[in-house]
Amino acid sequence: MRYSYSRTDRYRILTCPFCGREPEAPHTLKMNFGEAQGGRCECGAIYVYDETGRSLGDAFMDALALLFDQDYDAALSATEDDYEEETITFDRRLGRFVADSKQMSHASKYLFLRKKEKPA
């Protein structure tokens, strides 16, 4: 994984896996077809928060729609060449970010997406 943490709060502060900055705090993002919990980073990344860690498919579709400004045709026709994806796991019992583990029933997930820069 490529994300980093500040020295004083290592593993306790959410940072963007693409640039290392702290994104905005999770809040309700209104969408054309409902809402999602997530936020944005200054580098252009968006993230969606999945509290249970078991609805990553829904979280991915929400994040993709938000990344493409709710242009669902563009979002659904996007390929892995169009965006970068990283998932960060938060262990609610330990109160810190941990290496991704699919077996943790008490882990929340933060799914980050960012558009790839197109070569000029």
C-alpha atoms as a PDB file:
ATOM      1  CA  MET A   1       0.000   0.000   0.000  1.00  0.00           C
ATOM      2  CA  ARG A   2       1.143   3.528  -0.702  1.00  0.00           C
ATOM      3  CA  TYR A   3      -0.628   5.539   1.976  1.00  0.00           C
ATOM      4  CA  SER A   4       1.199   7.223   4.828  1.00  0.00           C
ATOM      5  CA  TYR A   5       0.393   8.599   8.254  1.00  0.00           C
ATOM      6  CA  SER A   6       1.619  11.502  10.344  1.00  0.00           C
ATOM      7  CA  ARG A   7       4.235  10.606  12.946  1.00  0.00           C
ATOM      8  CA  THR A   8       2.185  11.582  15.983  1.00  0.00           C
ATOM      9  CA  ASP A   9      -1.035   9.821  15.002  1.00  0.00           C
ATOM     10  CA  ARG A  10       0.350   6.965  12.945  1.00  0.00           C
ATOM     11  CA  TYR A  11      -2.407   4.533  11.958  1.00  0.00           C
ATOM     12  CA  ARG A  12      -5.179   6.699  13.476  1.00  0.00           C
ATOM     13  CA  ILE A  13      -5.649   9.440  10.877  1.00  0.00           C
ATOM     14  CA  LEU A  14      -7.190   8.807   7.482  1.00  0.00           C
ATOM     15  CA  THR A  15      -4.856   9.929   4.718  1.00  0.00           C
ATOM     16  CA  CYS A  16      -5.238   9.770   0.957  1.00  0.00           C
ATOM     17  CA  PRO A  17      -3.415   6.750  -0.490  1.00  0.00           C
ATOM     18  CA  PHE A  18      -2.510   8.774  -3.590  1.00  0.00           C
ATOM     19  CA  CYS A  19      -1.018  11.967  -2.104  1.00  0.00           C
ATOM     20  CA  GLY A  20      -0.701  11.389   1.675  1.00  0.00           C
ATOM     21  CA  ARG A  21      -2.858  14.384   2.662  1.00  0.00           C
ATOM     22  CA  GLU A  22      -5.846  14.234   4.974  1.00  0.00           C
ATOM     23  CA  PRO A  23      -9.074  14.267   2.961  1.00  0.00           C
ATOM     24  CA  GLU A  24     -12.187  16.032   4.180  1.00  0.00           C
ATOM     25  CA  ALA A  25     -14.041  14.244   6.966  1.00  0.00           C
ATOM     26  CA  PRO A  26     -16.717  11.734   5.886  1.00  0.00           C
ATOM     27  CA  HIS A  27     -20.115  13.320   5.380  1.00  0.00           C
ATOM     28  CA  THR A  28     -23.316  12.615   3.460  1.00  0.00           C
ATOM     29  CA  LEU A  29     -22.831  13.065  -0.282  1.00  0.00           C
ATOM     30  CA  LYS A  30     -26.101  13.657  -2.123  1.00  0.00           C
ATOM     31  CA  MET A  31     -26.416  11.769  -5.387  1.00  0.00           C
ATOM     32  CA  ASN A  32     -29.032  11.486  -8.118  1.00  0.00           C
ATOM     33  CA  PHE A  33     -30.037   8.037  -6.850  1.00  0.00           C
ATOM     34  CA  GLY A  34     -29.623   8.396  -3.088  1.00  0.00           C
ATOM     35  CA  GLU A  35     -26.656   9.282  -0.951  1.00  0.00           C
ATOM     36  CA  ALA A  36     -23.315   7.914   0.199  1.00  0.00           C
ATOM     37  CA  GLN A  37     -20.951   8.562   3.089  1.00  0.00           C
ATOM     38  CA  GLY A  38     -17.586   9.826   1.933  1.00  0.00           C
ATOM     39  CA  GLY A  39     -15.517  12.801   0.966  1.00  0.00           C
ATOM     40  CA  ARG A  40     -12.912  14.315  -1.339  1.00  0.00           C
ATOM     41  CA  CYS A  41      -9.204  15.048  -1.284  1.00  0.00           C
ATOM     42  CA  GLU A  42      -7.355  18.050  -2.676  1.00  0.00           C
ATOM     43  CA  CYS A  43      -5.586  15.794  -5.206  1.00  0.00           C
ATOM     44  CA  GLY A  44      -8.903  15.012  -6.913  1.00  0.00           C
ATOM     45  CA  ALA A  45      -9.518  11.650  -5.259  1.00  0.00           C
ATOM     46  CA  ILE A  46     -12.915  10.775  -3.847  1.00  0.00           C
ATOM     47  CA  TYR A  47     -13.682   8.158  -1.243  1.00  0.00           C
ATOM     48  CA  VAL A  48     -16.728   6.310  -0.010  1.00  0.00           C
ATOM     49  CA  TYR A  49     -16.996   4.896   3.503  1.00  0.00           C
ATOM     50  CA  ASP A  50     -18.446   1.409   4.017  1.00  0.00           C
ATOM     51  CA  GLU A  51     -19.043   0.994   7.752  1.00  0.00           C
ATOM     52  CA  THR A  52     -19.552  -2.767   7.627  1.00  0.00           C
ATOM     53  CA  GLY A  53     -16.868  -3.490   5.048  1.00  0.00           C
ATOM     54  CA  ARG A  54     -19.324  -5.891   3.398  1.00  0.00           C
ATOM     55  CA  SER A  55     -20.907  -3.624   0.782  1.00  0.00           C
ATOM     56  CA  LEU A  56     -17.872  -2.755  -1.298  1.00  0.00           C
ATOM     57  CA  GLY A  57     -19.768  -3.392  -4.546  1.00  0.00           C
ATOM     58  CA  ASP A  58     -22.279  -0.676  -3.670  1.00  0.00           C
ATOM     59  CA  ALA A  59     -19.496   1.564  -2.376  1.00  0.00           C
ATOM     60  CA  PHE A  60     -17.549   1.087  -5.611  1.00  0.00           C
ATOM     61  CA  MET A  61     -20.528   2.060  -7.781  1.00  0.00           C
ATOM     62  CA  ASP A  62     -21.185   5.132  -5.616  1.00  0.00           C
ATOM     63  CA  ALA A  63     -17.516   6.144  -5.770  1.00  0.00           C
ATOM     64  CA  LEU A  64     -17.369   5.636  -9.536  1.00  0.00           C
ATOM     65  CA  ALA A  65     -20.503   7.729 -10.044  1.00  0.00           C
ATOM     66  CA  LEU A  66     -19.082  10.516  -7.843  1.00  0.00           C
ATOM     67  CA  LEU A  67     -15.717  10.376  -9.620  1.00  0.00           C
ATOM     68  CA  PHE A  68     -17.430  11.006 -12.955  1.00  0.00           C
ATOM     69  CA  ASP A  69     -19.680  13.781 -11.565  1.00  0.00           C
ATOM     70  CA  GLN A  70     -22.718  11.484 -11.639  1.00  0.00           C
ATOM     71  CA  ASP A  71     -22.420  10.921 -15.393  1.00  0.00           C
ATOM     72  CA  TYR A  72     -23.498   7.293 -15.109  1.00  0.00           C
ATOM     73  CA  ASP A  73     -22.789   6.506 -18.774  1.00  0.00           C
ATOM     74  CA  ALA A  74     -19.169   7.640 -18.351  1.00  0.00           C
ATOM     75  CA  ALA A  75     -18.868   5.879 -14.989  1.00  0.00           C
ATOM     76  CA  LEU A  76     -20.182   2.559 -16.289  1.00  0.00           C
ATOM     77  CA  SER A  77     -18.054   2.671 -19.435  1.00  0.00           C
ATOM     78  CA  ALA A  78     -14.853   3.528 -17.514  1.00  0.00           C
ATOM     79  CA  THR A  79     -12.077   0.948 -17.471  1.00  0.00           C
ATOM     80  CA  GLU A  80      -9.198   0.402 -15.068  1.00  0.00           C
ATOM     81  CA  ASP A  81      -7.116   2.553 -17.422  1.00  0.00           C
ATOM     82  CA  ASP A  82      -9.283   5.553 -16.474  1.00  0.00           C
ATOM     83  CA  TYR A  83      -8.900   5.530 -12.665  1.00  0.00           C
ATOM     84  CA  GLU A  84      -6.799   4.348  -9.726  1.00  0.00           C
ATOM     85  CA  GLU A  85      -8.327   2.410  -6.824  1.00  0.00           C
ATOM     86  CA  GLU A  86      -7.163   1.827  -3.236  1.00  0.00           C
ATOM     87  CA  THR A  87      -8.989   0.407  -0.222  1.00  0.00           C
ATOM     88  CA  ILE A  88      -8.046   1.259   3.361  1.00  0.00           C
ATOM     89  CA  THR A  89      -9.284  -0.837   6.300  1.00  0.00           C
ATOM     90  CA  PHE A  90     -10.138   0.600   9.708  1.00  0.00           C
ATOM     91  CA  ASP A  91     -10.299  -1.829  12.644  1.00  0.00           C
ATOM     92  CA  ARG A  92     -13.109  -0.471  14.826  1.00  0.00           C
ATOM     93  CA  ARG A  93     -12.054  -2.532  17.867  1.00  0.00           C
ATOM     94  CA  LEU A  94      -8.454  -1.311  17.799  1.00  0.00           C
ATOM     95  CA  GLY A  95      -9.397   2.170  16.615  1.00  0.00           C
ATOM     96  CA  ARG A  96      -6.738   2.284  13.892  1.00  0.00           C
ATOM     97  CA  PHE A  97      -6.048   1.615  10.241  1.00  0.00           C
ATOM     98  CA  VAL A  98      -4.626  -1.833   9.524  1.00  0.00           C
ATOM     99  CA  ALA A  99      -3.394  -3.927   6.628  1.00  0.00           C
ATOM    100  CA  ASP A 100      -6.388  -5.078   4.579  1.00  0.00           C
ATOM    101  CA  SER A 101      -7.981  -8.244   5.940  1.00  0.00           C
ATOM    102  CA  LYS A 102     -11.079  -9.717   4.347  1.00  0.00           C
ATOM    103  CA  GLN A 103     -11.723 -11.865   7.444  1.00  0.00           C
ATOM    104  CA  MET A 104     -12.312  -9.002   9.890  1.00  0.00           C
ATOM    105  CA  SER A 105     -15.992  -8.697  10.753  1.00  0.00           C
ATOM    106  CA  HIS A 106     -15.354  -5.507  12.732  1.00  0.00           C
ATOM    107  CA  ALA A 107     -13.559  -3.576   9.997  1.00  0.00           C
ATOM    108  CA  SER A 108     -14.805  -0.564   8.079  1.00  0.00           C
ATOM    109  CA  LYS A 109     -13.524   0.181   4.574  1.00  0.00           C
ATOM    110  CA  TYR A 110     -12.621   3.416   2.836  1.00  0.00           C
ATOM    111  CA  LEU A 111     -12.638   3.009  -0.940  1.00  0.00           C
ATOM    112  CA  PHE A 112     -10.606   5.680  -2.758  1.00  0.00           C
ATOM    113  CA  LEU A 113     -10.773   6.397  -6.493  1.00  0.00           C
ATOM    114  CA  ARG A 114      -8.891   8.983  -8.543  1.00  0.00           C
ATOM    115  CA  LYS A 115      -8.903   9.644 -12.271  1.00  0.00           C
ATOM    116  CA  LYS A 116      -5.652   8.823 -14.011  1.00  0.00           C
ATOM    117  CA  GLU A 117      -3.960  11.655 -15.810  1.00  0.00           C
ATOM    118  CA  LYS A 118      -4.153  11.218 -19.560  1.00  0.00           C
ATOM    119  CA  PRO A 119      -0.869  11.647 -21.441  1.00  0.00           C
ATOM    120  CA  ALA A 120      -0.724  14.807 -23.526  1.00  0.00           C
END
